[in-house]
Amino acid sequence: MPALVRRDPPALAANRLLVNFHGSTVPKGIHRTWPHVMTMEGVHGGEKRTLTTAHVTTLPFTRNVIGSMDYTPMAFHRPSRPTSDAHELGLAVTYESGLQNLAGTVESYQARPEAERFLEQVPTAWDETRLLSGRPADHVVLARRSGDRWFVGAGVSGAARTLDVPLSMLHGRWLVEVVRDGPSGLVRESHVIDGPRDRLSVAVPAEGGYAAIACRWHARITTCDR
């Protein structure tokens, strides 16, 4: 395998192999010729001990704009992680990677059942992306659609605050399930959004964030899970 990677992507395509160029430079259009190249690193990722939330909330506006980014999120067990649990969970949506390389331990996921539940719902590809709010090194709230559901990832750098964002892409009535930081771990809460003029307001702690799923509301719906 290493010899094939060093030689060229065509050899990998001939063997029907998907590629993650971890440890590489930034992408420069290789995906247009070789779509089996799923993602590339080229970023100071989750294993760095000097990470800050300012860096984490800048990447959606810089490195990730030019192509899939193998940041390796969801490493809840890393003691040097600057993000809260809900902020880290939101990175599964905030960051786009053709192969999302979740870098946590089984035990760290089992200790966070709401994170497990959310990650089981996150799709492998997106149909549409919208920035709901953001400023590099300050905060980001990003929504991505897969089929008839929307997923939202949010995170802040610095002080606690309330993230209040418009949901103009939602027409009609929608159920929005939010996973946020609670006093003793991740908690889930439900909101009913009524039309594109309605807004979603979530209070987040310092360096915090949230992850959410939105699905069409009807009288019998209790969850967006599938």
Protein backbone atom coordinates (compact mmCIF):
# COMPACT_ATOMS: atom_id res chain seq x y z
CA MET A 1 0.00 0.00 0.00
CA PRO A 2 2.68 2.66 0.81
CA ALA A 3 4.34 2.00 -2.55
CA LEU A 4 1.02 2.50 -4.35
CA VAL A 5 0.37 5.77 -2.50
CA ARG A 6 3.82 7.09 -3.37
CA ARG A 7 3.52 6.08 -7.00
CA ASP A 8 0.22 7.58 -8.16
CA PRO A 9 -3.56 7.71 -7.57
CA PRO A 10 -4.31 5.76 -10.81
CA ALA A 11 -2.84 2.61 -9.25
CA LEU A 12 -5.17 3.05 -6.30
CA ALA A 13 -8.15 3.60 -8.59
CA ALA A 14 -7.31 0.45 -10.52
CA ASN A 15 -7.46 -1.47 -7.24
CA ARG A 16 -10.70 0.25 -6.18
CA LEU A 17 -9.11 1.81 -3.11
CA LEU A 18 -10.27 5.00 -1.41
CA VAL A 19 -7.52 7.34 -0.25
CA ASN A 20 -6.94 9.51 2.80
CA PHE A 21 -3.69 11.45 2.32
CA HIS A 22 -3.02 12.03 6.02
CA GLY A 23 0.16 14.02 6.66
CA SER A 24 -0.05 15.66 3.23
CA THR A 25 -0.09 19.25 2.06
CA VAL A 26 -3.36 21.03 1.27
CA PRO A 27 -5.46 19.77 -1.69
CA LYS A 28 -4.86 21.42 -5.04
CA GLY A 29 -7.65 20.03 -7.19
CA ILE A 30 -6.62 16.37 -7.20
CA HIS A 31 -10.22 15.34 -6.38
CA ARG A 32 -11.42 16.61 -9.77
CA THR A 33 -9.25 14.03 -11.54
CA TRP A 34 -9.23 11.31 -8.91
CA PRO A 35 -12.56 11.36 -6.98
CA HIS A 36 -11.48 8.32 -4.95
CA VAL A 37 -9.13 10.68 -3.08
CA MET A 38 -11.56 11.23 -0.24
CA THR A 39 -9.71 13.68 2.00
CA MET A 40 -6.32 15.17 2.88
CA GLU A 41 -4.81 16.50 6.09
CA GLY A 42 -2.74 19.64 5.46
CA VAL A 43 -3.97 21.16 8.73
CA HIS A 44 -2.98 21.44 12.37
CA GLY A 45 -5.47 18.83 13.48
CA GLY A 46 -6.97 17.49 16.65
CA GLU A 47 -3.77 15.79 17.88
CA LYS A 48 -1.87 19.08 18.27
CA ARG A 49 -1.21 20.02 21.89
CA THR A 50 -1.18 23.76 21.14
CA LEU A 51 -4.67 24.00 19.64
CA THR A 52 -6.97 26.87 20.59
CA THR A 53 -10.63 27.45 19.86
CA ALA A 54 -9.55 30.52 17.86
CA HIS A 55 -7.79 28.10 15.49
CA VAL A 56 -10.71 25.66 15.51
CA THR A 57 -13.25 28.38 14.59
CA THR A 58 -10.99 29.78 11.85
CA LEU A 59 -10.58 26.56 9.86
CA PRO A 60 -14.10 26.55 8.30
CA PHE A 61 -13.25 29.89 6.66
CA THR A 62 -9.70 29.02 5.56
CA ARG A 63 -8.31 25.50 5.13
CA ASN A 64 -11.65 23.72 4.74
CA VAL A 65 -12.80 26.09 1.97
CA ILE A 66 -10.29 24.63 -0.50
CA GLY A 67 -11.19 20.98 -0.01
CA SER A 68 -11.91 18.07 2.32
CA MET A 69 -9.99 18.34 5.58
CA ASP A 70 -8.88 15.41 7.73
CA TYR A 71 -8.77 17.18 11.09
CA THR A 72 -9.54 13.97 13.08
CA PRO A 73 -12.28 15.37 15.36
CA MET A 74 -14.24 13.67 18.14
CA ALA A 75 -11.21 12.81 20.28
CA PHE A 76 -13.07 13.36 23.54
CA HIS A 77 -10.31 11.57 25.46
CA ARG A 78 -7.56 14.07 24.58
CA PRO A 79 -6.70 16.14 27.68
CA SER A 80 -5.28 18.98 25.56
CA ARG A 81 -8.53 19.48 23.61
CA PRO A 82 -9.63 23.15 23.88
CA THR A 83 -13.28 22.55 22.96
CA SER A 84 -16.22 21.61 25.16
CA ASP A 85 -17.89 18.27 24.43
CA ALA A 86 -20.73 19.87 22.46
CA HIS A 87 -18.32 22.07 20.49
CA GLU A 88 -16.27 18.99 19.61
CA LEU A 89 -19.43 17.13 18.56
CA GLY A 90 -20.42 20.01 16.31
CA LEU A 91 -17.17 19.60 14.36
CA ALA A 92 -18.68 16.49 12.74
CA VAL A 93 -20.83 18.97 10.79
CA THR A 94 -18.74 22.14 10.84
CA TYR A 95 -15.80 20.38 9.19
CA GLU A 96 -16.24 18.73 5.80
CA SER A 97 -14.22 15.64 5.01
CA GLY A 98 -14.96 13.06 2.33
CA LEU A 99 -13.90 10.50 4.93
CA GLN A 100 -14.62 11.87 8.40
CA ASN A 101 -11.91 10.26 10.51
CA LEU A 102 -13.38 10.17 14.02
CA ALA A 103 -10.41 9.87 16.37
CA GLY A 104 -11.95 9.02 19.74
CA THR A 105 -11.90 5.87 21.81
CA VAL A 106 -14.80 3.47 22.16
CA GLU A 107 -14.91 4.20 25.89
CA SER A 108 -15.10 7.97 25.37
CA TYR A 109 -18.10 7.53 23.04
CA GLN A 110 -19.85 5.08 25.35
CA ALA A 111 -19.49 7.63 28.14
CA ARG A 112 -21.38 10.15 25.96
CA PRO A 113 -24.54 8.42 24.67
CA GLU A 114 -25.91 11.65 23.17
CA ALA A 115 -22.74 11.98 21.10
CA GLU A 116 -23.05 8.36 19.95
CA ARG A 117 -26.66 8.93 18.99
CA PHE A 118 -25.83 12.07 17.00
CA LEU A 119 -22.82 10.59 15.19
CA GLU A 120 -24.86 7.58 14.12
CA GLN A 121 -27.17 10.00 12.26
CA VAL A 122 -24.48 12.07 10.53
CA PRO A 123 -24.32 11.15 6.80
CA THR A 124 -21.19 10.53 4.76
CA ALA A 125 -21.90 13.23 2.15
CA TRP A 126 -23.76 16.54 1.95
CA ASP A 127 -26.18 17.99 -0.62
CA GLU A 128 -26.09 21.64 0.48
CA THR A 129 -24.17 23.88 2.88
CA ARG A 130 -25.11 27.22 4.46
CA LEU A 131 -23.23 29.47 6.84
CA LEU A 132 -25.78 30.71 9.38
CA SER A 133 -23.39 32.90 11.36
CA GLY A 134 -19.68 33.24 11.88
CA ARG A 135 -16.50 35.23 12.16
CA PRO A 136 -13.03 33.65 11.95
CA ALA A 137 -11.45 33.00 15.36
CA ASP A 138 -14.71 34.02 17.10
CA HIS A 139 -17.57 31.65 16.26
CA VAL A 140 -19.15 29.56 13.53
CA VAL A 141 -22.66 28.15 13.03
CA LEU A 142 -22.84 26.06 9.89
CA ALA A 143 -25.74 24.01 8.47
CA ARG A 144 -25.49 21.13 6.00
CA ARG A 145 -28.34 19.26 4.32
CA SER A 146 -28.52 15.58 3.51
CA GLY A 147 -31.73 14.60 1.78
CA ASP A 148 -34.65 16.02 3.76
CA ARG A 149 -32.75 16.67 6.99
CA TRP A 150 -30.46 19.51 8.06
CA PHE A 151 -27.53 19.15 10.46
CA VAL A 152 -26.02 22.09 12.34
CA GLY A 153 -22.61 22.42 13.96
CA ALA A 154 -21.71 25.40 16.14
CA GLY A 155 -18.76 26.52 18.23
CA VAL A 156 -17.38 29.64 19.87
CA SER A 157 -13.95 30.88 20.87
CA GLY A 158 -13.82 32.74 24.15
CA ALA A 159 -16.59 33.79 26.50
CA ALA A 160 -19.96 32.15 27.05
CA ARG A 161 -22.78 33.62 24.98
CA THR A 162 -26.10 32.88 23.29
CA LEU A 163 -25.89 31.90 19.65
CA ASP A 164 -29.03 33.26 18.00
CA VAL A 165 -29.24 32.43 14.30
CA PRO A 166 -31.88 32.60 11.55
CA LEU A 167 -33.01 29.35 9.97
CA SER A 168 -34.12 30.81 6.66
CA MET A 169 -33.64 27.48 4.84
CA LEU A 170 -36.47 25.89 6.86
CA HIS A 171 -39.89 26.47 5.31
CA GLY A 172 -42.89 25.26 7.26
CA ARG A 173 -42.67 23.66 10.69
CA TRP A 174 -39.57 21.73 11.75
CA LEU A 175 -38.40 19.81 14.79
CA VAL A 176 -34.83 20.75 15.78
CA GLU A 177 -33.02 18.51 18.27
CA VAL A 178 -30.04 20.24 19.87
CA VAL A 179 -27.22 18.50 21.73
CA ARG A 180 -25.51 21.04 24.00
CA ASP A 181 -23.27 21.21 27.05
CA GLY A 182 -25.14 20.59 30.30
CA PRO A 183 -24.00 20.86 33.93
CA SER A 184 -22.81 17.24 34.00
CA GLY A 185 -22.43 16.29 30.34
CA LEU A 186 -24.18 16.45 27.00
CA VAL A 187 -27.94 17.01 27.03
CA ARG A 188 -30.54 16.99 24.29
CA GLU A 189 -33.37 19.47 23.94
CA SER A 190 -36.08 19.96 21.31
CA HIS A 191 -37.24 23.13 19.56
CA VAL A 192 -40.09 23.57 17.09
CA ILE A 193 -39.17 26.07 14.38
CA ASP A 194 -42.09 27.64 12.54
CA GLY A 195 -41.10 29.08 9.17
CA PRO A 196 -38.02 30.83 7.74
CA ARG A 197 -38.41 33.89 9.97
CA ASP A 198 -38.01 31.85 13.14
CA ARG A 199 -34.64 31.66 14.88
CA LEU A 200 -32.71 29.13 16.94
CA SER A 201 -31.22 30.44 20.20
CA VAL A 202 -28.84 28.25 22.20
CA ALA A 203 -26.81 29.34 25.23
CA VAL A 204 -23.26 27.95 25.11
CA PRO A 205 -20.48 28.05 27.74
CA ALA A 206 -16.99 29.44 27.18
CA GLU A 207 -15.30 27.54 24.31
CA GLY A 208 -18.61 25.71 23.87
CA GLY A 209 -20.98 24.94 21.04
CA TYR A 210 -23.69 22.53 19.97
CA ALA A 211 -24.79 20.03 17.35
CA ALA A 212 -28.32 19.75 15.98
CA ILE A 213 -30.56 17.82 13.61
CA ALA A 214 -33.63 19.35 11.94
CA CYS A 215 -36.44 17.30 10.40
CA ARG A 216 -39.97 18.16 9.27
CA TRP A 217 -42.42 18.36 12.13
CA HIS A 218 -45.73 16.51 12.31
CA ALA A 219 -48.13 15.75 15.13
CA ARG A 220 -46.67 12.33 15.99
CA ILE A 221 -42.96 13.07 15.67
CA THR A 222 -40.83 12.89 18.81
CA THR A 223 -37.30 12.63 17.38
CA CYS A 224 -35.33 13.11 14.14
CA ASP A 225 -33.58 9.75 14.61
CA ARG A 226 -33.76 7.16 11.87
